[in-house]
N, C-alpha and C. Protein backbone atom coordinates (compact mmCIF):
# COMPACT_ATOMS: atom_id res chain seq x y z
N MET A 1 -0.53 -36.71 91.04
CA MET A 1 -1.05 -35.41 90.69
C MET A 1 0.09 -34.57 90.12
N LYS A 2 -0.21 -33.80 89.13
CA LYS A 2 0.80 -32.98 88.50
C LYS A 2 1.15 -31.77 89.36
N ARG A 3 2.34 -31.29 89.19
CA ARG A 3 2.83 -30.15 89.97
C ARG A 3 1.99 -28.89 89.71
N GLN A 4 1.55 -28.71 88.47
CA GLN A 4 0.76 -27.53 88.13
C GLN A 4 -0.51 -27.45 88.97
N LYS A 5 -1.13 -28.57 89.21
CA LYS A 5 -2.36 -28.56 89.97
C LYS A 5 -2.13 -28.28 91.44
N ARG A 6 -0.95 -28.57 91.94
CA ARG A 6 -0.66 -28.34 93.35
C ARG A 6 -0.31 -26.90 93.63
N ASP A 7 0.37 -26.24 92.72
CA ASP A 7 0.85 -24.89 92.97
C ASP A 7 -0.14 -23.85 92.42
N VAL A 8 -1.15 -23.57 93.19
CA VAL A 8 -2.22 -22.66 92.78
C VAL A 8 -1.70 -21.23 92.63
N PHE A 9 -0.78 -20.83 93.50
CA PHE A 9 -0.29 -19.46 93.47
C PHE A 9 0.56 -19.18 92.23
N ALA A 10 1.42 -20.10 91.86
CA ALA A 10 2.24 -19.91 90.65
C ALA A 10 1.36 -19.87 89.41
N ARG A 11 0.34 -20.72 89.39
CA ARG A 11 -0.57 -20.73 88.26
C ARG A 11 -1.36 -19.43 88.17
N ALA A 12 -1.79 -18.92 89.33
CA ALA A 12 -2.52 -17.65 89.35
C ALA A 12 -1.64 -16.51 88.87
N PHE A 13 -0.37 -16.49 89.32
CA PHE A 13 0.57 -15.45 88.89
C PHE A 13 0.75 -15.50 87.37
N LYS A 14 0.94 -16.70 86.85
CA LYS A 14 1.17 -16.85 85.41
C LYS A 14 -0.05 -16.39 84.61
N ARG A 15 -1.23 -16.78 85.04
CA ARG A 15 -2.44 -16.37 84.33
C ARG A 15 -2.66 -14.86 84.44
N GLY A 16 -2.34 -14.29 85.59
CA GLY A 16 -2.43 -12.84 85.74
C GLY A 16 -1.45 -12.12 84.84
N TYR A 17 -0.24 -12.67 84.76
CA TYR A 17 0.78 -12.08 83.88
C TYR A 17 0.31 -12.10 82.43
N LEU A 18 -0.22 -13.23 82.01
CA LEU A 18 -0.69 -13.35 80.63
C LEU A 18 -1.84 -12.38 80.35
N ALA A 19 -2.71 -12.19 81.33
CA ALA A 19 -3.81 -11.24 81.16
C ALA A 19 -3.27 -9.81 81.08
N GLY A 20 -2.29 -9.49 81.92
CA GLY A 20 -1.71 -8.15 81.92
C GLY A 20 -0.97 -7.83 80.65
N VAL A 21 -0.19 -8.76 80.18
CA VAL A 21 0.60 -8.52 78.96
C VAL A 21 -0.32 -8.48 77.73
N SER A 22 -1.50 -9.06 77.84
CA SER A 22 -2.47 -9.01 76.75
C SER A 22 -3.27 -7.72 76.75
N GLY A 23 -3.14 -6.94 77.82
CA GLY A 23 -3.86 -5.68 77.90
C GLY A 23 -5.24 -5.79 78.51
N LYS A 24 -5.53 -6.91 79.17
CA LYS A 24 -6.85 -7.09 79.77
C LYS A 24 -6.95 -6.35 81.10
N SER A 25 -8.16 -6.07 81.51
CA SER A 25 -8.42 -5.33 82.74
C SER A 25 -8.17 -6.19 83.97
N LYS A 26 -7.76 -5.56 85.05
CA LYS A 26 -7.55 -6.31 86.29
C LYS A 26 -8.86 -6.74 86.92
N ASP A 27 -9.96 -6.21 86.46
CA ASP A 27 -11.28 -6.62 86.96
C ASP A 27 -11.65 -8.02 86.49
N ARG A 28 -10.88 -8.58 85.59
CA ARG A 28 -11.18 -9.92 85.06
C ARG A 28 -10.56 -11.02 85.89
N CYS A 29 -10.09 -10.73 87.09
CA CYS A 29 -9.51 -11.75 87.96
C CYS A 29 -10.56 -12.79 88.30
N PRO A 30 -10.28 -14.06 88.04
CA PRO A 30 -11.30 -15.09 88.23
C PRO A 30 -11.45 -15.59 89.66
N SER A 31 -10.58 -15.23 90.56
CA SER A 31 -10.59 -15.82 91.90
C SER A 31 -11.24 -14.91 92.94
N ASP A 32 -11.89 -15.55 93.90
CA ASP A 32 -12.47 -14.83 95.03
C ASP A 32 -11.62 -14.99 96.29
N GLN A 33 -10.71 -15.96 96.29
CA GLN A 33 -9.83 -16.17 97.44
C GLN A 33 -8.79 -15.07 97.50
N ALA A 34 -8.60 -14.50 98.68
CA ALA A 34 -7.74 -13.32 98.82
C ALA A 34 -6.30 -13.60 98.40
N GLU A 35 -5.72 -14.72 98.83
CA GLU A 35 -4.31 -15.00 98.53
C GLU A 35 -4.10 -15.26 97.04
N VAL A 36 -5.01 -16.02 96.45
CA VAL A 36 -4.89 -16.34 95.02
C VAL A 36 -5.12 -15.08 94.20
N ARG A 37 -6.09 -14.27 94.61
CA ARG A 37 -6.36 -13.02 93.90
C ARG A 37 -5.16 -12.09 93.96
N GLN A 38 -4.47 -12.03 95.10
CA GLN A 38 -3.29 -11.19 95.24
C GLN A 38 -2.18 -11.64 94.31
N GLU A 39 -1.97 -12.94 94.20
CA GLU A 39 -0.94 -13.46 93.28
C GLU A 39 -1.30 -13.15 91.84
N TRP A 40 -2.60 -13.28 91.50
CA TRP A 40 -3.04 -12.97 90.14
C TRP A 40 -2.78 -11.49 89.84
N LEU A 41 -3.09 -10.62 90.81
CA LEU A 41 -2.86 -9.19 90.61
C LEU A 41 -1.38 -8.85 90.51
N ASN A 42 -0.54 -9.55 91.29
CA ASN A 42 0.91 -9.35 91.18
C ASN A 42 1.38 -9.70 89.77
N GLY A 43 0.90 -10.82 89.26
CA GLY A 43 1.25 -11.21 87.90
C GLY A 43 0.72 -10.22 86.88
N TRP A 44 -0.51 -9.74 87.11
CA TRP A 44 -1.12 -8.78 86.20
C TRP A 44 -0.29 -7.50 86.15
N ARG A 45 0.17 -7.02 87.30
CA ARG A 45 1.01 -5.80 87.34
C ARG A 45 2.31 -6.00 86.58
N GLU A 46 2.95 -7.14 86.78
CA GLU A 46 4.19 -7.44 86.04
C GLU A 46 3.90 -7.47 84.53
N GLY A 47 2.80 -8.09 84.16
CA GLY A 47 2.43 -8.18 82.75
C GLY A 47 2.13 -6.83 82.14
N ARG A 48 1.43 -5.98 82.88
CA ARG A 48 1.14 -4.64 82.37
C ARG A 48 2.42 -3.83 82.19
N THR A 49 3.32 -3.94 83.14
CA THR A 49 4.59 -3.24 83.04
C THR A 49 5.35 -3.70 81.80
N ASP A 50 5.39 -5.01 81.59
CA ASP A 50 6.08 -5.53 80.41
C ASP A 50 5.36 -5.13 79.12
N HIS A 51 4.05 -5.06 79.16
CA HIS A 51 3.27 -4.63 77.99
C HIS A 51 3.62 -3.19 77.63
N TRP A 52 3.69 -2.35 78.64
CA TRP A 52 4.03 -0.93 78.42
C TRP A 52 5.47 -0.78 77.94
N ASP A 53 6.36 -1.68 78.38
CA ASP A 53 7.75 -1.63 77.95
C ASP A 53 7.97 -2.25 76.58
N GLY A 54 6.89 -2.76 75.99
CA GLY A 54 6.99 -3.31 74.64
C GLY A 54 7.38 -4.76 74.58
N MET A 55 7.32 -5.47 75.69
CA MET A 55 7.69 -6.88 75.71
C MET A 55 6.47 -7.73 75.35
N THR A 56 6.17 -7.78 74.07
CA THR A 56 5.07 -8.61 73.60
C THR A 56 5.64 -9.61 72.61
N GLY A 57 4.89 -10.61 72.30
CA GLY A 57 5.36 -11.63 71.36
C GLY A 57 6.41 -12.51 71.98
N VAL A 58 7.48 -12.76 71.25
CA VAL A 58 8.52 -13.68 71.69
C VAL A 58 9.25 -13.15 72.92
N SER A 59 9.53 -11.86 72.98
CA SER A 59 10.23 -11.31 74.14
C SER A 59 9.38 -11.42 75.40
N GLY A 60 8.07 -11.34 75.27
CA GLY A 60 7.18 -11.51 76.41
C GLY A 60 7.18 -12.93 76.92
N ILE A 61 7.27 -13.89 76.01
CA ILE A 61 7.31 -15.29 76.42
C ILE A 61 8.58 -15.57 77.19
N HIS A 62 9.70 -15.03 76.74
CA HIS A 62 10.95 -15.23 77.45
C HIS A 62 10.90 -14.56 78.82
N ARG A 63 10.29 -13.42 78.90
CA ARG A 63 10.16 -12.71 80.18
C ARG A 63 9.29 -13.51 81.14
N LEU A 64 8.23 -14.13 80.66
CA LEU A 64 7.37 -14.94 81.50
C LEU A 64 8.14 -16.10 82.10
N ALA A 65 9.00 -16.72 81.32
CA ALA A 65 9.81 -17.82 81.84
C ALA A 65 10.75 -17.32 82.93
N ASP A 66 11.31 -16.14 82.77
CA ASP A 66 12.19 -15.56 83.78
C ASP A 66 11.42 -15.20 85.05
N VAL A 67 10.26 -14.63 84.90
CA VAL A 67 9.46 -14.18 86.04
C VAL A 67 8.96 -15.37 86.85
N THR A 68 8.44 -16.40 86.19
CA THR A 68 7.90 -17.55 86.90
C THR A 68 9.00 -18.38 87.54
N ALA A 69 10.19 -18.37 86.97
CA ALA A 69 11.29 -19.11 87.57
C ALA A 69 11.79 -18.45 88.85
N SER A 70 11.68 -17.14 88.94
CA SER A 70 12.17 -16.43 90.12
C SER A 70 11.17 -16.43 91.26
N THR A 71 9.90 -16.75 91.01
CA THR A 71 8.91 -16.76 92.09
C THR A 71 8.81 -18.09 92.74
């Protein structure tokens, strides 16, 4: 089994980050599980902050690599 499939929380954070940096609403969280939803929202908050700071495009991709590596 691949590592991506095992680490549900990291995947939720990454997807939340991508949604946040894209400007999507936090109401679009796909998970009903409390822990996974919390990780998605944490990623969404980081993404929104980076979106407001102007980190879109290539700089946003580099930021995502930094954020996911530290979690």
